[in-house]
């Protein structure tokens, strides 16, 4: 069964949160697709993942690259699974894909400080629950560590 994790960002940016989550995915041996809602955002994330930290490297490419099937992380705007990913990250209110059940895990990262993003996340939550997915909600504690909330 597909597990769906909702990560609620408050007073933090996707650029700070996404790289460590991607690193953890790779440590588990997973392949990843990160879906955003615009090519500009995908290109900005691509540039950021090359430079976010001097002592780290996240192997990735955009879906427009000549070899997305070979990449452990693919950044995309469109649906589809170009690298046979186990995990799909949905950012910037990207929609739950039609083939959601083909992933082990979906991770929806949403901005809790933005009313539209919050409304989209609530709609996605209801949609995922109605499809029978195992849905969990995550928020940071006072020390900035992710905690599961009920």
N, C-alpha and C. Protein backbone atom coordinates (compact mmCIF):
# COMPACT_ATOMS: atom_id res chain seq x y z
N UNK A 1 0.84 -1.18 0.00
CA UNK A 1 0.00 0.00 0.00
C UNK A 1 0.89 1.25 0.00
N UNK A 2 0.48 2.22 -0.74
CA UNK A 2 1.22 3.47 -0.81
C UNK A 2 1.08 4.25 0.50
N UNK A 3 2.21 4.70 0.99
CA UNK A 3 2.25 5.53 2.18
C UNK A 3 2.37 6.98 1.71
N UNK A 4 1.55 7.88 2.28
CA UNK A 4 1.57 9.28 1.88
C UNK A 4 1.91 10.12 3.11
N UNK A 5 3.01 10.87 3.02
CA UNK A 5 3.46 11.72 4.11
C UNK A 5 3.24 13.18 3.72
N UNK A 6 2.60 13.92 4.60
CA UNK A 6 2.38 15.35 4.40
C UNK A 6 3.35 16.10 5.30
N UNK A 7 4.25 16.86 4.71
CA UNK A 7 5.22 17.65 5.45
C UNK A 7 4.79 19.12 5.42
N UNK A 8 4.45 19.63 6.59
CA UNK A 8 3.92 20.97 6.78
C UNK A 8 5.07 21.94 7.07
N UNK A 9 5.38 22.81 6.12
CA UNK A 9 6.43 23.80 6.30
C UNK A 9 5.86 25.04 6.96
N UNK A 10 6.48 25.46 8.04
CA UNK A 10 6.14 26.73 8.67
C UNK A 10 7.44 27.43 9.03
N UNK A 11 7.57 28.67 8.58
CA UNK A 11 8.77 29.45 8.84
C UNK A 11 10.04 28.75 8.35
N UNK A 12 9.92 28.03 7.26
CA UNK A 12 11.07 27.36 6.64
C UNK A 12 10.79 27.24 5.15
N UNK A 13 11.84 27.09 4.39
CA UNK A 13 11.68 27.01 2.94
C UNK A 13 11.86 25.58 2.43
N UNK A 14 11.28 25.34 1.29
CA UNK A 14 11.45 24.06 0.62
C UNK A 14 12.93 23.81 0.34
N UNK A 15 13.66 24.87 -0.02
CA UNK A 15 15.09 24.73 -0.34
C UNK A 15 15.90 24.23 0.85
N UNK A 16 15.46 24.53 2.07
CA UNK A 16 16.16 24.04 3.25
C UNK A 16 15.73 22.63 3.62
N UNK A 17 14.51 22.28 3.35
CA UNK A 17 13.94 21.00 3.80
C UNK A 17 14.15 19.87 2.79
N UNK A 18 14.05 20.17 1.52
CA UNK A 18 14.09 19.11 0.51
C UNK A 18 15.41 18.34 0.45
N UNK A 19 16.57 18.99 0.43
CA UNK A 19 17.82 18.21 0.30
C UNK A 19 18.00 17.13 1.38
N UNK A 20 17.79 17.41 2.67
CA UNK A 20 17.95 16.33 3.65
C UNK A 20 16.94 15.19 3.45
N UNK A 21 15.73 15.52 3.03
CA UNK A 21 14.75 14.45 2.77
C UNK A 21 15.18 13.60 1.58
N UNK A 22 15.75 14.22 0.57
CA UNK A 22 16.25 13.46 -0.58
C UNK A 22 17.45 12.61 -0.18
N UNK A 23 18.32 13.15 0.66
CA UNK A 23 19.47 12.36 1.13
C UNK A 23 19.01 11.12 1.87
N UNK A 24 18.00 11.26 2.73
CA UNK A 24 17.48 10.10 3.46
C UNK A 24 16.88 9.07 2.51
N UNK A 25 16.22 9.53 1.46
CA UNK A 25 15.65 8.61 0.48
C UNK A 25 16.75 7.81 -0.21
N UNK A 26 17.82 8.48 -0.60
CA UNK A 26 18.93 7.78 -1.26
C UNK A 26 19.62 6.82 -0.30
N UNK A 27 19.74 7.21 0.97
CA UNK A 27 20.35 6.31 1.97
C UNK A 27 19.55 5.01 2.08
N UNK A 28 18.27 5.07 1.86
CA UNK A 28 17.42 3.88 1.92
C UNK A 28 17.43 3.10 0.61
N UNK A 29 18.15 3.57 -0.37
CA UNK A 29 18.24 2.88 -1.64
C UNK A 29 17.08 3.17 -2.58
N UNK A 30 16.33 4.21 -2.29
CA UNK A 30 15.17 4.55 -3.12
C UNK A 30 15.57 5.45 -4.28
N UNK A 31 14.81 5.34 -5.34
CA UNK A 31 14.90 6.26 -6.46
C UNK A 31 13.75 7.25 -6.30
N UNK A 32 13.95 8.49 -6.74
CA UNK A 32 13.02 9.56 -6.42
C UNK A 32 12.67 10.39 -7.65
N UNK A 33 11.40 10.81 -7.71
CA UNK A 33 10.96 11.86 -8.63
C UNK A 33 10.47 13.01 -7.75
N UNK A 34 10.89 14.23 -8.08
CA UNK A 34 10.39 15.43 -7.41
C UNK A 34 9.58 16.19 -8.45
N UNK A 35 8.28 16.31 -8.20
CA UNK A 35 7.40 16.99 -9.16
C UNK A 35 7.00 18.35 -8.62
N UNK A 36 7.26 19.39 -9.42
CA UNK A 36 6.81 20.74 -9.10
C UNK A 36 5.76 21.13 -10.13
N UNK A 37 5.37 22.40 -10.12
CA UNK A 37 4.28 22.82 -11.01
C UNK A 37 4.73 23.71 -12.16
N UNK A 38 6.04 23.98 -12.26
CA UNK A 38 6.50 24.79 -13.39
C UNK A 38 7.94 24.42 -13.75
N UNK A 39 8.26 24.64 -15.00
CA UNK A 39 9.62 24.36 -15.47
C UNK A 39 10.62 25.29 -14.78
N UNK A 40 10.20 26.53 -14.54
CA UNK A 40 11.08 27.48 -13.87
C UNK A 40 11.44 27.00 -12.46
N UNK A 41 10.45 26.49 -11.75
CA UNK A 41 10.70 25.99 -10.39
C UNK A 41 11.61 24.77 -10.44
N UNK A 42 11.38 23.88 -11.41
CA UNK A 42 12.22 22.70 -11.57
C UNK A 42 13.66 23.11 -11.82
N UNK A 43 13.87 24.09 -12.67
CA UNK A 43 15.23 24.56 -12.96
C UNK A 43 15.87 25.21 -11.74
N UNK A 44 15.08 25.95 -10.95
CA UNK A 44 15.61 26.56 -9.73
C UNK A 44 16.01 25.48 -8.71
N UNK A 45 15.19 24.46 -8.56
CA UNK A 45 15.53 23.35 -7.66
C UNK A 45 16.77 22.61 -8.15
N UNK A 46 16.86 22.43 -9.46
CA UNK A 46 18.03 21.78 -10.05
C UNK A 46 19.30 22.54 -9.68
N UNK A 47 19.30 23.85 -9.87
CA UNK A 47 20.46 24.67 -9.54
C UNK A 47 20.75 24.60 -8.04
N UNK A 48 19.72 24.64 -7.23
CA UNK A 48 19.90 24.63 -5.77
C UNK A 48 20.52 23.31 -5.30
N UNK A 49 20.09 22.18 -5.86
CA UNK A 49 20.60 20.89 -5.40
C UNK A 49 22.08 20.71 -5.72
N UNK A 50 22.60 21.46 -6.68
CA UNK A 50 24.04 21.39 -6.97
C UNK A 50 24.85 22.21 -5.96
N UNK A 51 24.22 23.19 -5.32
CA UNK A 51 24.99 24.15 -4.53
C UNK A 51 24.53 24.29 -3.08
N UNK A 52 23.57 23.51 -2.62
CA UNK A 52 22.97 23.76 -1.31
C UNK A 52 23.94 23.56 -0.15
N UNK A 53 24.96 22.74 -0.35
CA UNK A 53 25.95 22.53 0.71
C UNK A 53 27.28 22.15 0.05
N UNK A 54 28.36 22.70 0.55
CA UNK A 54 29.68 22.44 -0.05
C UNK A 54 30.14 21.00 0.10
N UNK A 55 29.73 20.34 1.19
CA UNK A 55 30.25 18.99 1.48
C UNK A 55 29.28 17.88 1.11
N UNK A 56 28.35 18.16 0.23
CA UNK A 56 27.37 17.14 -0.13
C UNK A 56 27.14 17.12 -1.64
N UNK A 57 26.67 15.98 -2.10
CA UNK A 57 26.36 15.82 -3.53
C UNK A 57 25.10 14.98 -3.65
N UNK A 58 24.12 15.51 -4.33
CA UNK A 58 22.89 14.77 -4.61
C UNK A 58 22.82 14.51 -6.11
N UNK A 59 23.09 13.29 -6.55
CA UNK A 59 23.04 12.99 -7.98
C UNK A 59 21.61 13.13 -8.48
N UNK A 60 21.41 13.97 -9.50
CA UNK A 60 20.07 14.22 -10.00
C UNK A 60 20.14 14.80 -11.41
N UNK A 61 18.98 14.89 -12.03
CA UNK A 61 18.83 15.54 -13.33
C UNK A 61 17.38 15.94 -13.48
N UNK A 62 17.13 16.78 -14.45
CA UNK A 62 15.74 17.09 -14.77
C UNK A 62 15.22 16.05 -15.75
N UNK A 63 13.91 16.01 -15.88
CA UNK A 63 13.32 15.03 -16.81
C UNK A 63 13.68 15.34 -18.25
N UNK A 64 14.15 16.55 -18.52
CA UNK A 64 14.55 16.93 -19.87
C UNK A 64 15.95 16.43 -20.22
N UNK A 65 16.68 15.91 -19.22
CA UNK A 65 18.02 15.39 -19.47
C UNK A 65 17.93 14.19 -20.41
N UNK A 66 19.02 13.90 -21.08
CA UNK A 66 19.04 12.81 -22.03
C UNK A 66 18.97 11.43 -21.41
N UNK A 67 19.22 11.32 -20.10
CA UNK A 67 19.26 10.01 -19.46
C UNK A 67 18.51 9.96 -18.13
N UNK A 68 17.27 10.42 -18.06
CA UNK A 68 16.57 10.42 -16.76
C UNK A 68 16.42 9.02 -16.17
N UNK A 69 16.35 8.01 -17.00
CA UNK A 69 16.18 6.64 -16.48
C UNK A 69 17.37 6.21 -15.63
N UNK A 70 18.53 6.82 -15.84
CA UNK A 70 19.75 6.45 -15.12
C UNK A 70 19.93 7.24 -13.82
N UNK A 71 19.10 8.24 -13.59
CA UNK A 71 19.29 9.14 -12.46
C UNK A 71 18.56 8.64 -11.20
N UNK A 72 19.21 8.72 -10.03
CA UNK A 72 18.53 8.34 -8.79
C UNK A 72 17.46 9.35 -8.38
N UNK A 73 17.63 10.63 -8.79
CA UNK A 73 16.64 11.67 -8.52
C UNK A 73 16.36 12.39 -9.82
N UNK A 74 15.07 12.49 -10.17
CA UNK A 74 14.66 13.23 -11.36
C UNK A 74 13.70 14.33 -10.93
N UNK A 75 13.96 15.54 -11.41
CA UNK A 75 13.10 16.70 -11.16
C UNK A 75 12.21 16.87 -12.39
N UNK A 76 10.90 16.95 -12.16
CA UNK A 76 9.96 16.97 -13.28
C UNK A 76 8.79 17.90 -13.01
N UNK A 77 8.09 18.23 -14.07
CA UNK A 77 6.83 18.96 -13.98
C UNK A 77 5.69 18.01 -14.31
N UNK A 78 5.91 17.13 -15.23
CA UNK A 78 4.88 16.23 -15.73
C UNK A 78 4.77 14.95 -14.88
N UNK A 79 3.64 14.29 -15.05
CA UNK A 79 3.47 12.98 -14.42
C UNK A 79 4.34 11.98 -15.16
N UNK A 80 4.39 10.77 -14.66
CA UNK A 80 5.23 9.74 -15.25
C UNK A 80 6.35 9.40 -14.29
N UNK A 81 6.98 8.28 -14.54
CA UNK A 81 8.03 7.80 -13.65
C UNK A 81 9.25 7.44 -14.49
N UNK A 82 10.02 8.46 -14.91
CA UNK A 82 11.11 8.25 -15.86
C UNK A 82 12.28 7.43 -15.33
N UNK A 83 12.42 7.29 -14.00
CA UNK A 83 13.56 6.56 -13.44
C UNK A 83 13.14 5.39 -12.54
N UNK A 84 11.90 4.94 -12.71
CA UNK A 84 11.37 3.82 -11.92
C UNK A 84 11.48 4.11 -10.41
N UNK A 85 11.06 5.31 -10.03
CA UNK A 85 11.19 5.77 -8.65
C UNK A 85 10.27 4.99 -7.71
N UNK A 86 10.74 4.85 -6.46
CA UNK A 86 9.93 4.27 -5.38
C UNK A 86 9.16 5.37 -4.66
N UNK A 87 9.72 6.59 -4.71
CA UNK A 87 9.18 7.71 -3.95
C UNK A 87 8.96 8.89 -4.88
N UNK A 88 7.83 9.57 -4.69
CA UNK A 88 7.53 10.77 -5.46
C UNK A 88 7.27 11.91 -4.48
N UNK A 89 8.06 12.97 -4.59
CA UNK A 89 7.85 14.18 -3.82
C UNK A 89 6.98 15.12 -4.65
N UNK A 90 5.97 15.69 -4.03
CA UNK A 90 5.10 16.65 -4.68
C UNK A 90 5.28 17.98 -3.98
N UNK A 91 5.75 18.99 -4.71
CA UNK A 91 6.00 20.30 -4.12
C UNK A 91 5.22 21.37 -4.87
N UNK A 92 5.04 22.51 -4.22
CA UNK A 92 4.33 23.64 -4.84
C UNK A 92 2.92 23.26 -5.29
N UNK A 93 2.25 22.44 -4.51
CA UNK A 93 0.87 22.00 -4.79
C UNK A 93 0.75 21.17 -6.06
N UNK A 94 1.81 20.45 -6.42
CA UNK A 94 1.72 19.51 -7.55
C UNK A 94 0.65 18.48 -7.20
N UNK A 95 -0.16 18.06 -8.18
CA UNK A 95 -1.26 17.15 -7.89
C UNK A 95 -0.79 15.71 -7.63
N UNK A 96 -1.60 15.00 -6.88
CA UNK A 96 -1.36 13.57 -6.66
C UNK A 96 -1.48 12.89 -8.02
N UNK A 97 -0.48 12.12 -8.43
CA UNK A 97 -0.52 11.52 -9.77
C UNK A 97 -1.56 10.40 -9.87
N UNK A 98 -2.03 10.18 -11.07
CA UNK A 98 -3.02 9.12 -11.31
C UNK A 98 -2.46 7.75 -10.94
N UNK A 99 -1.14 7.56 -11.10
CA UNK A 99 -0.51 6.27 -10.80
C UNK A 99 0.09 6.24 -9.39
N UNK A 100 -0.49 6.98 -8.45
CA UNK A 100 0.04 7.10 -7.09
C UNK A 100 0.27 5.75 -6.43
N UNK A 101 -0.59 4.79 -6.71
CA UNK A 101 -0.46 3.47 -6.06
C UNK A 101 0.77 2.70 -6.54
N UNK A 102 1.43 3.17 -7.58
CA UNK A 102 2.63 2.48 -8.06
C UNK A 102 3.88 2.86 -7.26
N UNK A 103 3.76 3.83 -6.36
CA UNK A 103 4.88 4.26 -5.53
C UNK A 103 4.77 3.65 -4.13
N UNK A 104 5.91 3.39 -3.52
CA UNK A 104 5.91 2.98 -2.12
C UNK A 104 5.50 4.14 -1.23
N UNK A 105 5.94 5.34 -1.62
CA UNK A 105 5.71 6.51 -0.80
C UNK A 105 5.52 7.75 -1.66
N UNK A 106 4.55 8.57 -1.27
CA UNK A 106 4.40 9.92 -1.80
C UNK A 106 4.70 10.86 -0.65
N UNK A 107 5.39 11.95 -0.94
CA UNK A 107 5.71 12.95 0.07
C UNK A 107 5.23 14.30 -0.45
N UNK A 108 4.19 14.83 0.18
CA UNK A 108 3.66 16.14 -0.19
C UNK A 108 4.23 17.17 0.77
N UNK A 109 5.00 18.09 0.23
CA UNK A 109 5.61 19.15 1.03
C UNK A 109 4.84 20.42 0.72
N UNK A 110 4.23 21.01 1.76
CA UNK A 110 3.39 22.18 1.51
C UNK A 110 3.71 23.31 2.48
N UNK A 111 3.48 24.52 2.02
CA UNK A 111 3.76 25.72 2.78
C UNK A 111 2.54 26.06 3.64
N UNK A 112 2.66 25.84 4.93
CA UNK A 112 1.56 26.11 5.85
C UNK A 112 1.29 27.58 6.06
N UNK A 113 2.19 28.45 5.59
CA UNK A 113 2.01 29.89 5.72
C UNK A 113 1.26 30.48 4.53
N UNK A 114 0.90 29.64 3.54
CA UNK A 114 0.22 30.08 2.33
C UNK A 114 -1.16 29.43 2.27
N UNK A 115 -2.21 30.24 2.23
CA UNK A 115 -3.58 29.73 2.28
C UNK A 115 -3.89 28.80 1.10
N UNK A 116 -3.44 29.14 -0.09
CA UNK A 116 -3.71 28.29 -1.26
C UNK A 116 -3.01 26.94 -1.14
N UNK A 117 -1.76 26.96 -0.68
CA UNK A 117 -1.01 25.72 -0.50
C UNK A 117 -1.66 24.84 0.57
N UNK A 118 -2.10 25.48 1.64
CA UNK A 118 -2.77 24.76 2.72
C UNK A 118 -4.07 24.12 2.23
N UNK A 119 -4.85 24.87 1.45
CA UNK A 119 -6.10 24.33 0.90
C UNK A 119 -5.83 23.17 -0.05
N UNK A 120 -4.79 23.30 -0.88
CA UNK A 120 -4.44 22.21 -1.80
C UNK A 120 -4.03 20.97 -1.02
N UNK A 121 -3.27 21.14 0.06
CA UNK A 121 -2.85 20.01 0.88
C UNK A 121 -4.05 19.33 1.53
N UNK A 122 -4.99 20.11 2.00
CA UNK A 122 -6.20 19.52 2.60
C UNK A 122 -6.99 18.72 1.57
N UNK A 123 -7.08 19.24 0.36
CA UNK A 123 -7.75 18.50 -0.71
C UNK A 123 -7.03 17.21 -1.05
N UNK A 124 -5.69 17.28 -1.10
CA UNK A 124 -4.89 16.09 -1.39
C UNK A 124 -5.03 15.06 -0.28
N UNK A 125 -5.10 15.52 0.98
CA UNK A 125 -5.29 14.62 2.13
C UNK A 125 -6.59 13.84 1.96
N UNK A 126 -7.68 14.55 1.68
CA UNK A 126 -8.98 13.89 1.51
C UNK A 126 -8.95 12.92 0.33
N UNK A 127 -8.32 13.33 -0.76
CA UNK A 127 -8.20 12.47 -1.94
C UNK A 127 -7.43 11.19 -1.62
N UNK A 128 -6.31 11.33 -0.93
CA UNK A 128 -5.48 10.16 -0.59
C UNK A 128 -6.20 9.24 0.39
N UNK A 129 -6.89 9.81 1.36
CA UNK A 129 -7.66 8.99 2.30
C UNK A 129 -8.75 8.21 1.57
N UNK A 130 -9.41 8.87 0.62
CA UNK A 130 -10.50 8.21 -0.11
C UNK A 130 -9.98 7.08 -0.99
N UNK A 131 -8.71 7.13 -1.38
CA UNK A 131 -8.10 6.06 -2.18
C UNK A 131 -7.54 4.95 -1.31
N UNK A 132 -7.64 5.10 0.01
CA UNK A 132 -7.20 4.05 0.92
C UNK A 132 -5.73 4.05 1.24
N UNK A 133 -5.02 5.14 0.96
CA UNK A 133 -3.60 5.21 1.25
C UNK A 133 -3.39 5.41 2.75
N UNK A 134 -2.24 4.97 3.22
CA UNK A 134 -1.82 5.19 4.60
C UNK A 134 -1.27 6.61 4.68
N UNK A 135 -2.00 7.52 5.33
CA UNK A 135 -1.69 8.94 5.32
C UNK A 135 -1.20 9.39 6.70
N UNK A 136 -0.06 10.13 6.72
CA UNK A 136 0.46 10.68 7.97
C UNK A 136 0.82 12.15 7.77
N UNK A 137 0.81 12.88 8.88
CA UNK A 137 1.06 14.31 8.88
C UNK A 137 2.29 14.60 9.74
N UNK A 138 3.22 15.40 9.21
CA UNK A 138 4.48 15.70 9.88
C UNK A 138 4.67 17.20 10.00
N UNK A 139 5.16 17.62 11.17
CA UNK A 139 5.43 19.03 11.43
C UNK A 139 6.67 19.11 12.30
N UNK A 140 7.38 20.22 12.24
CA UNK A 140 8.59 20.34 13.04
C UNK A 140 8.25 20.73 14.48
N UNK A 141 9.08 20.24 15.39
CA UNK A 141 8.93 20.62 16.80
C UNK A 141 9.71 21.91 17.05
N UNK A 142 9.79 22.32 18.31
CA UNK A 142 10.48 23.58 18.65
C UNK A 142 11.97 23.55 18.34
N UNK A 143 12.56 22.37 18.17
CA UNK A 143 13.98 22.25 17.82
C UNK A 143 14.19 22.06 16.32
N UNK A 144 13.10 22.07 15.56
CA UNK A 144 13.21 21.93 14.12
C UNK A 144 13.27 20.50 13.61
N UNK A 145 12.98 19.52 14.48
CA UNK A 145 12.98 18.11 14.07
C UNK A 145 11.58 17.73 13.65
N UNK A 146 11.49 16.88 12.61
CA UNK A 146 10.19 16.43 12.13
C UNK A 146 9.56 15.47 13.14
N UNK A 147 8.31 15.71 13.45
CA UNK A 147 7.55 14.88 14.36
C UNK A 147 6.21 14.52 13.73
N UNK A 148 5.83 13.27 13.88
CA UNK A 148 4.52 12.84 13.40
C UNK A 148 3.46 13.41 14.33
N UNK A 149 2.43 13.98 13.74
CA UNK A 149 1.32 14.56 14.51
C UNK A 149 0.05 13.77 14.21
N UNK A 150 -0.77 13.63 15.22
CA UNK A 150 -2.04 12.93 15.02
C UNK A 150 -3.19 13.90 15.04
